[in-house]
Protein backbone atom coordinates (compact mmCIF):
# COMPACT_ATOMS: atom_id res chain seq x y z
CA MET A 1 15.71 69.42 246.11
CA ASP A 2 18.44 71.29 244.25
CA ARG A 3 21.48 69.97 242.80
CA PRO A 4 23.90 72.39 244.94
CA ARG A 5 22.03 71.53 247.93
CA ALA A 6 22.01 68.06 247.64
CA THR A 7 25.68 68.44 246.83
CA LEU A 8 26.53 69.59 250.21
CA LEU A 9 24.42 67.10 251.67
CA LEU A 10 26.77 64.76 250.08
CA GLN A 11 29.90 66.24 251.07
CA GLY A 12 28.78 66.28 254.61
CA ALA A 13 28.07 63.06 254.78
CA VAL A 14 31.22 61.75 253.09
CA LEU A 15 33.17 64.18 256.22
CA LEU A 16 31.14 62.21 258.42
CA CYS A 17 31.77 58.86 257.41
CA LEU A 18 35.89 60.00 257.11
CA VAL A 19 36.00 61.42 260.77
CA THR A 20 34.14 58.58 261.91
CA HIS A 21 36.42 56.03 260.46
CA ALA A 22 39.19 57.58 261.52
CA VAL A 23 38.07 58.15 265.41
CA LEU A 24 37.96 54.48 265.15
CA GLN A 25 40.82 53.15 263.61
CA ASP A 26 42.76 55.43 266.27
CA GLY A 27 40.81 53.71 269.21
CA GLU A 28 41.70 50.41 267.80
CA GLN A 29 44.92 51.44 267.68
CA GLN A 30 45.28 52.57 270.90
CA GLU A 31 43.71 49.94 272.23
CA GLY A 32 45.51 46.78 270.30
CA GLY A 33 43.21 47.12 267.12
CA ASP A 34 45.00 45.64 264.23
CA GLY A 35 44.15 42.00 265.81
CA SER A 36 46.81 42.69 269.02
CA SER A 37 44.50 43.20 271.57
CA SER A 38 41.91 45.46 273.59
CA VAL A 39 43.27 44.51 276.88
CA CYS A 40 46.06 47.60 277.85
CA GLY A 41 44.13 49.24 279.71
CA GLY A 42 43.77 46.34 283.13
CA CYS A 43 47.43 45.61 282.53
CA SER A 44 50.79 47.16 284.18
CA CYS A 45 52.76 48.39 281.90
CA GLY A 46 55.82 50.64 282.18
CA GLY A 47 59.98 49.89 283.47
CA GLY A 48 60.40 47.03 281.26
CA LEU A 49 57.53 44.68 282.89
CA LEU A 50 54.57 44.18 281.29
CA ASP A 51 52.14 42.44 283.57
CA CYS A 52 48.84 41.36 283.16
CA SER A 53 47.66 39.60 286.07
CA GLY A 54 44.22 38.73 286.48
CA LEU A 55 42.91 39.58 283.31
CA PRO A 56 40.45 37.52 281.26
CA LEU A 57 42.19 35.93 278.75
CA GLU A 58 40.95 32.46 277.92
CA GLY A 59 39.55 34.47 274.46
CA GLY A 60 37.63 32.57 271.87
CA GLY A 61 38.56 30.48 269.37
CA GLY A 62 39.41 27.32 271.12
CA GLY A 63 40.96 29.01 273.49
CA SER A 64 43.62 31.04 271.89
CA TRP A 65 44.69 34.89 273.41
CA PHE A 66 46.11 37.93 271.22
CA TRP A 67 49.27 39.90 272.79
CA PRO A 68 48.06 43.54 274.27
CA ARG A 69 49.29 46.42 272.49
CA CYS A 70 50.84 48.83 275.39
CA GLU A 71 53.88 51.34 274.84
CA CYS A 72 56.13 48.78 277.00
CA ALA A 73 54.99 45.65 274.62
CA ALA A 74 57.98 46.60 272.34
CA ALA A 75 60.11 47.17 274.81
CA SER A 76 63.83 45.15 275.12
CA ASN A 77 64.39 42.56 277.45
CA LEU A 78 60.53 42.78 278.27
CA THR A 79 59.49 40.63 281.07
CA ALA A 80 55.68 39.91 280.63
CA VAL A 81 53.72 38.09 283.18
CA PHE A 82 50.26 36.57 282.48
CA ARG A 83 49.35 35.14 286.02
CA ALA A 84 45.90 33.80 286.42
CA CYS A 85 44.44 34.58 283.30
CA GLY A 86 42.84 31.33 282.52
CA ILE A 87 44.68 31.00 279.45
CA LYS A 88 43.61 26.91 279.81
CA VAL A 89 44.73 26.34 276.11
CA LEU A 90 47.79 28.38 275.17
CA PHE A 91 48.02 28.73 270.99
CA PRO A 92 51.43 29.96 269.31
CA LEU A 93 52.16 33.22 270.39
CA PRO A 94 52.81 36.74 268.11
CA GLU A 95 56.06 37.81 267.17
CA GLN A 96 57.62 38.97 270.40
CA ARG A 97 61.18 39.98 269.90
CA GLY A 98 62.04 41.78 273.13
CA VAL A 99 60.60 39.28 275.84
CA SER A 100 62.79 37.77 277.92
CA SER A 101 61.08 36.99 280.79
CA LEU A 102 57.27 35.26 280.48
CA SER A 103 55.06 34.31 283.33
CA LEU A 104 52.09 31.60 282.91
CA ARG A 105 51.61 30.79 286.29
CA HIS A 106 48.42 29.52 288.03
CA ASN A 107 46.01 29.39 284.54
CA ARG A 108 45.32 25.67 285.28
CA MET A 109 46.69 25.48 281.68
CA ALA A 110 46.17 21.85 280.33
CA ASP A 111 47.25 22.02 276.71
CA ILE A 112 49.91 24.02 275.00
CA HIS A 113 50.41 23.43 271.01
CA ASP A 114 53.27 23.09 269.21
CA GLY A 115 55.53 25.92 268.36
CA ALA A 116 53.82 28.17 271.11
CA PHE A 117 57.07 29.96 272.06
CA ALA A 118 58.96 29.89 269.01
CA LYS A 119 58.50 33.57 267.78
CA LEU A 120 59.96 35.09 270.53
CA THR A 121 62.98 34.39 269.86
CA GLY A 122 64.49 36.67 272.35
CA LEU A 123 62.84 34.31 275.58
CA VAL A 124 65.34 33.03 278.01
CA GLU A 125 63.02 32.56 281.34
CA LEU A 126 59.98 30.73 281.53
CA ASP A 127 57.91 29.74 283.77
CA LEU A 128 55.03 27.35 283.31
CA SER A 129 54.72 26.53 287.02
CA HIS A 130 51.17 25.92 288.95
CA ASN A 131 49.29 24.56 285.90
CA LEU A 132 48.05 21.19 284.95
CA LEU A 133 50.58 19.98 282.96
CA GLN A 134 51.42 16.55 282.08
CA VAL A 135 53.95 14.95 280.44
CA GLU A 136 52.52 15.14 276.68
CA ASP A 137 52.52 18.75 277.13
CA VAL A 138 56.19 19.28 277.66
CA ARG A 139 57.40 17.45 274.27
CA PRO A 140 60.30 18.62 271.61
CA THR A 141 57.43 20.14 269.32
CA VAL A 142 56.28 22.63 272.06
CA LEU A 143 59.72 23.94 273.09
CA ARG A 144 61.48 24.33 270.06
CA GLY A 145 62.66 27.18 267.83
CA ALA A 146 61.41 28.28 264.25
CA TYR A 147 60.58 26.23 261.76
CA SER A 148 63.18 25.70 258.69
CA PRO A 149 63.92 23.25 256.27
CA VAL A 150 67.33 21.40 257.99
CA ARG A 151 65.32 21.56 261.28
CA TYR A 152 63.96 23.46 263.73
CA GLU A 153 65.94 26.52 265.20
CA PRO A 154 66.94 26.56 268.98
CA MET A 155 65.85 28.23 271.52
CA ALA A 156 67.67 30.59 273.67
CA LEU A 157 65.97 29.76 277.20
CA GLN A 158 67.96 28.90 279.85
CA LEU A 159 65.76 29.25 282.79
CA LEU A 160 62.37 26.68 282.79
CA ASP A 161 60.34 26.48 285.83
CA LEU A 162 57.51 23.24 285.54
CA SER A 163 56.92 23.19 289.12
CA TYR A 164 53.88 22.36 290.97
CA ASN A 165 52.20 20.81 287.67
CA GLN A 166 51.11 16.74 286.92
CA LEU A 167 53.58 15.16 285.59
CA HIS A 168 54.02 12.14 286.37
CA SER A 169 57.62 11.46 284.19
CA LEU A 170 59.21 13.86 281.04
CA ASP A 171 59.90 13.09 277.24
CA PRO A 172 63.22 12.30 276.90
CA GLN A 173 63.76 14.46 274.35
CA ALA A 174 61.82 17.47 276.32
CA PHE A 175 64.59 19.98 275.95
CA GLU A 176 66.36 18.82 272.72
CA HIS A 177 65.77 22.24 271.24
CA CYS A 178 67.11 23.73 274.21
CA PRO A 179 70.61 23.55 274.54
CA ARG A 180 71.73 26.71 276.74
CA LEU A 181 69.30 25.46 279.55
CA THR A 182 71.05 25.98 282.62
CA VAL A 183 67.95 26.25 285.38
CA LEU A 184 65.08 23.58 285.66
CA ARG A 185 62.35 23.54 288.17
CA LEU A 186 60.52 20.17 288.80
CA ASP A 187 59.71 20.85 292.04
CA TYR A 188 56.31 19.28 293.25
CA ASN A 189 55.50 17.34 290.38
CA PRO A 190 54.60 13.75 291.42
CA LEU A 191 57.77 12.40 289.70
CA LYS A 192 57.73 9.61 292.82
CA VAL A 193 60.50 8.11 290.32
CA ILE A 194 63.01 8.98 288.17
CA ASP A 195 62.60 6.76 285.29
CA GLY A 196 64.97 6.07 282.16
CA PRO A 197 63.08 8.79 280.15
CA THR A 198 63.15 11.51 282.82
CA LEU A 199 66.69 10.75 283.48
CA ARG A 200 67.55 11.13 279.55
CA ALA A 201 65.56 14.77 279.33
CA VAL A 202 67.63 15.81 282.45
CA GLY A 203 70.47 15.18 280.96
CA THR A 204 70.96 18.44 279.14
CA PRO A 205 74.56 19.56 278.62
CA HIS A 206 75.08 22.87 280.56
CA LEU A 207 72.38 22.81 283.96
CA GLN A 208 73.57 24.42 286.46
CA GLU A 209 70.40 23.57 288.71
CA LEU A 210 68.44 20.98 289.73
CA GLY A 211 64.45 21.31 291.66
CA LEU A 212 63.52 18.52 292.65
CA ALA A 213 61.78 19.32 295.76
CA GLY A 214 58.52 17.83 297.09
CA ALA A 215 59.02 15.29 294.17
CA GLN A 216 57.81 11.75 296.02
CA LEU A 217 60.60 10.54 295.80
CA SER A 218 62.14 7.75 298.30
CA ALA A 219 65.48 7.37 296.29
CA VAL A 220 67.54 9.31 293.81
CA PRO A 221 69.05 6.91 291.38
CA ARG A 222 72.87 6.99 291.86
CA ARG A 223 72.80 7.25 287.33
CA LEU A 224 71.03 10.59 287.64
CA LEU A 225 73.92 11.73 289.81
CA GLU A 226 76.69 10.30 287.41
CA GLN A 227 75.44 11.92 284.90
CA LEU A 228 74.93 15.33 286.16
CA ALA A 229 78.39 15.14 287.63
CA SER A 230 79.79 14.43 284.36
CA ARG A 231 78.84 17.28 283.27
CA ARG A 232 80.64 18.70 285.72
CA SER A 233 78.55 21.89 285.53
CA LEU A 234 75.46 21.64 288.37
CA ARG A 235 75.75 24.53 291.25
CA ALA A 236 72.57 24.05 293.04
CA LEU A 237 70.61 20.54 293.46
CA ARG A 238 66.90 20.80 295.40
CA LEU A 239 66.00 17.30 296.74
CA SER A 240 63.89 18.69 299.73
CA ASP A 241 60.11 17.52 300.91
CA ASN A 242 60.78 14.13 299.62
CA ASN A 243 60.92 10.36 301.74
CA LEU A 244 64.54 9.81 301.62
CA THR A 245 65.70 8.28 304.86
CA ALA A 246 69.41 8.43 303.98
CA VAL A 247 71.80 11.37 301.85
CA PRO A 248 71.71 9.65 297.85
CA ASP A 249 74.31 7.26 297.13
CA GLY A 250 76.84 8.71 294.67
CA LEU A 251 75.93 12.36 295.86
CA GLN A 252 79.13 12.49 296.60
CA LEU A 253 80.00 12.57 293.12
CA LEU A 254 78.49 15.91 292.59
CA ASP A 255 81.69 17.50 294.97
CA ALA A 256 83.44 18.93 292.26
CA THR A 257 80.73 21.71 291.50
CA LEU A 258 77.89 22.31 293.66
CA GLU A 259 78.10 24.95 295.98
CA GLU A 260 73.95 24.98 296.74
CA LEU A 261 72.54 21.73 298.51
CA ASN A 262 68.84 21.77 299.74
CA LEU A 263 68.41 18.69 302.06
CA SER A 264 65.10 19.71 304.01
CA ALA A 265 62.55 18.04 305.08
CA THR A 266 63.55 14.92 304.38
CA GLN A 267 63.33 12.05 306.62
CA LEU A 268 67.50 11.47 307.53
CA GLU A 269 67.77 10.78 311.06
CA GLN A 270 71.51 11.73 311.88
CA LEU A 271 74.22 12.95 309.73
CA ASP A 272 77.67 11.00 310.63
CA ASP A 273 81.14 11.04 309.08
CA ASP A 274 80.05 9.00 306.56
CA SER A 275 76.82 10.41 305.31
CA LEU A 276 78.46 13.51 302.82
CA LEU A 277 82.06 11.60 301.86
CA GLY A 278 83.79 14.22 299.06
CA GLU A 279 86.10 17.10 298.97
CA TRP A 280 83.01 19.99 298.43
CA PRO A 281 85.84 22.04 297.64
CA ARG A 282 82.48 24.46 296.52
CA LEU A 283 79.35 23.89 298.86
CA ARG A 284 78.36 27.77 300.37
CA SER A 285 75.33 26.73 301.75
CA LEU A 286 73.73 23.11 303.51
CA ALA A 287 69.93 23.75 304.30
CA LEU A 288 68.80 20.54 306.85
CA SER A 289 65.29 22.12 308.14
CA ALA A 290 62.05 20.95 309.05
CA MET A 291 63.33 17.26 309.28
CA PRO A 292 60.73 14.94 311.49
CA ARG A 293 63.18 12.43 312.33
CA LEU A 294 66.83 14.07 312.92
CA ARG A 295 68.18 13.79 315.90
CA ARG A 296 71.99 14.14 315.70
CA LEU A 297 74.65 15.72 313.96
CA GLY A 298 78.31 13.51 314.06
CA PRO A 299 81.49 15.28 314.83
CA ARG A 300 82.54 15.03 311.42
CA ALA A 301 79.69 14.84 309.86
CA LEU A 302 80.19 18.68 308.37
CA SER A 303 84.01 18.40 308.49
CA SER A 304 84.87 18.35 304.42
CA LEU A 305 82.59 21.54 304.03
CA THR A 306 85.64 23.81 304.20
CA GLN A 307 83.86 26.93 302.41
CA LEU A 308 80.20 26.17 303.96
CA GLU A 309 79.24 30.04 304.79
CA GLN A 310 75.76 29.11 305.37
CA PHE A 311 73.91 26.37 307.42
CA LEU A 312 70.53 26.35 308.01
CA CYS A 313 69.67 23.67 310.50
CA ALA A 314 66.09 24.93 312.50
CA PHE A 315 62.43 23.85 313.49
CA ASN A 316 64.03 19.97 313.82
CA GLY A 317 62.25 19.35 316.62
CA GLN A 318 63.81 15.98 317.12
CA LEU A 319 67.29 17.54 316.80
CA HIS A 320 68.74 17.41 320.50
CA GLU A 321 72.40 17.08 320.12
CA VAL A 322 75.04 18.62 317.61
CA HIS A 323 78.14 17.14 318.28
CA PRO A 324 80.96 20.11 319.70
CA LEU A 325 83.24 18.94 316.61
CA THR A 326 80.40 19.62 314.24
CA THR A 327 81.54 22.43 312.73
CA ALA A 328 84.93 22.31 314.05
CA GLY A 329 87.37 24.20 310.92
CA LEU A 330 84.40 25.86 309.12
CA GLU A 331 86.11 29.48 309.32
CA ASN A 332 83.99 30.55 306.37
CA LEU A 333 80.62 30.08 307.97
CA ARG A 334 78.70 33.48 308.11
CA TRP A 335 74.70 32.40 308.60
CA VAL A 336 73.49 29.61 310.85
CA ARG A 337 70.20 29.31 312.22
CA LEU A 338 69.88 26.72 315.12
CA ASP A 339 67.00 28.20 316.00
CA ASN A 340 63.70 25.89 317.45
CA ASN A 341 65.44 22.64 317.73
CA ALA A 342 65.17 20.42 320.53
CA LEU A 343 69.22 21.52 321.82
CA GLU A 344 69.50 21.43 325.63
CA ARG A 345 73.79 23.09 325.07
CA LEU A 346 76.04 23.91 322.82
CA GLY A 347 79.97 22.83 322.58
CA ALA A 348 81.84 25.66 323.44
CA ASP A 349 84.12 25.63 320.26
CA SER A 350 81.15 24.58 318.63
CA LEU A 351 81.09 28.03 316.32
CA PRO A 352 83.65 29.75 314.51
CA TRP A 353 82.20 32.55 316.85
CA SER A 354 83.76 35.92 315.88
CA SER A 355 82.98 35.77 312.16
CA LEU A 356 79.34 34.87 312.44
CA ALA A 357 77.35 37.60 310.76
CA GLU A 358 74.17 36.41 311.62
CA LEU A 359 72.75 33.21 314.43
CA ARG A 360 69.70 32.31 315.41
CA LEU A 361 69.37 30.43 318.32
CA GLU A 362 65.59 30.73 320.04
CA GLY A 363 63.05 28.17 320.61
CA ASN A 364 65.32 26.01 321.98
CA PRO A 365 65.11 24.34 325.61
CA TRP A 366 68.59 24.99 326.99
CA ARG A 367 69.73 23.72 330.07
CA CYS A 368 71.72 25.74 332.00
CA ASP A 369 71.73 29.16 334.11
CA CYS A 370 71.34 32.93 332.93
CA SER A 371 75.01 33.49 332.49
CA ALA A 372 75.59 30.67 331.40
CA LEU A 373 73.27 32.45 328.01
CA SER A 374 74.53 35.38 329.17
CA TRP A 375 78.27 33.64 327.58
CA LEU A 376 76.72 32.36 324.97
CA SER A 377 75.36 35.47 323.48
CA GLN A 378 78.35 37.47 324.27
CA GLN A 379 80.29 34.95 321.94
CA ALA A 380 78.10 36.18 318.82
CA ALA A 381 76.48 39.91 320.12
CA ASP A 382 76.73 41.41 316.58
CA ALA A 383 75.22 38.33 315.06
CA ILE A 384 72.71 37.60 317.34
CA THR A 385 69.02 37.66 316.33
CA ASP A 386 67.34 37.05 319.20
CA GLN A 387 68.13 36.72 322.93
CA PRO A 388 68.16 32.79 323.54
CA ARG A 389 66.49 31.92 326.57
CA CYS A 390 66.93 28.71 329.93
CA GLY A 391 64.45 26.03 328.93
CA THR A 392 65.76 24.06 332.47
CA LEU A 393 67.65 26.18 335.33
CA SER A 394 69.90 23.56 336.62
CA TRP A 395 73.12 24.16 335.53
CA ARG A 396 75.58 22.30 332.78
CA ALA A 397 78.60 23.47 331.61
CA LEU A 398 78.03 24.45 327.94
């Protein structure tokens, strides 16, 4: 072969290699080459949301996975969702300063490496619910910021959801690097008791919401309520679906700050004059629904809740008596549910009829005639959501 022709062929081969390399490199960049990921094609990306739910991201390297490279992945104030992706082991995530909310729900995650979130410096909400985490997986070295020679930098975290895991207790220093934590959800973990380490862990200085629903508690220690009261910051307390047979002793210590209280699906039999002692100047919402043993609400059971706006008391199969004075004087009531109980009558002065925005009474065996129910409906004609029906047609004055 002559030299000019050989040179021409060599130049063509080099050009082909350069073009091929450029095409491959461009494809890697579009699909998250440079070590980021190639899964963006399966994610929903836009509007401040990166949703990769359902993608198989368990990956290699002992369970590690890489952050998808999408146009929105570098956005500020980003919500990133990796739900049911099979991430059983969580290795430290790469730097993503724009991520403010991260959801890792339903991954059957059982191991989190130290500093897993340290490079997510803008992270304020973290959802680790519906996994297999135990006490050793929620440790201070996991929930910490970047390393410095003096100390670990604090996390910006404000909301942490640990619901539906396998936590029997908490590391007493679990949240020591989360000084801004205001919302802590521990619902449906098999805690059974609030032990000393857990008590210390939830003593974060600015806690505003604490979820302990379904934690298999038979009692709430007074020490916990005293500790929460001393912080003067708690706004919402969820104790529903526990084995409580009485209102926790010392609950009134929270009366200065509490705005929402949920005691639904507990084993209380009645609320009487002494059940909710205190002033309660801020309590706006009270839930007493789905309580299998609740039979009676006494005449002054709610008398101290003068700011109450929402009263949820439904699906209590044994509740046959709401005393006519139970809600007397609660002029701020707007939303009331008394449906699907065992109520046969309701006092004429029981509710501030004209100020109600929504009232549900259906599903009770009202003992009355139809004119009586007509009167009942007329009292809150704009608020009532479903026409109540007579259970028994014998007259009994409301």
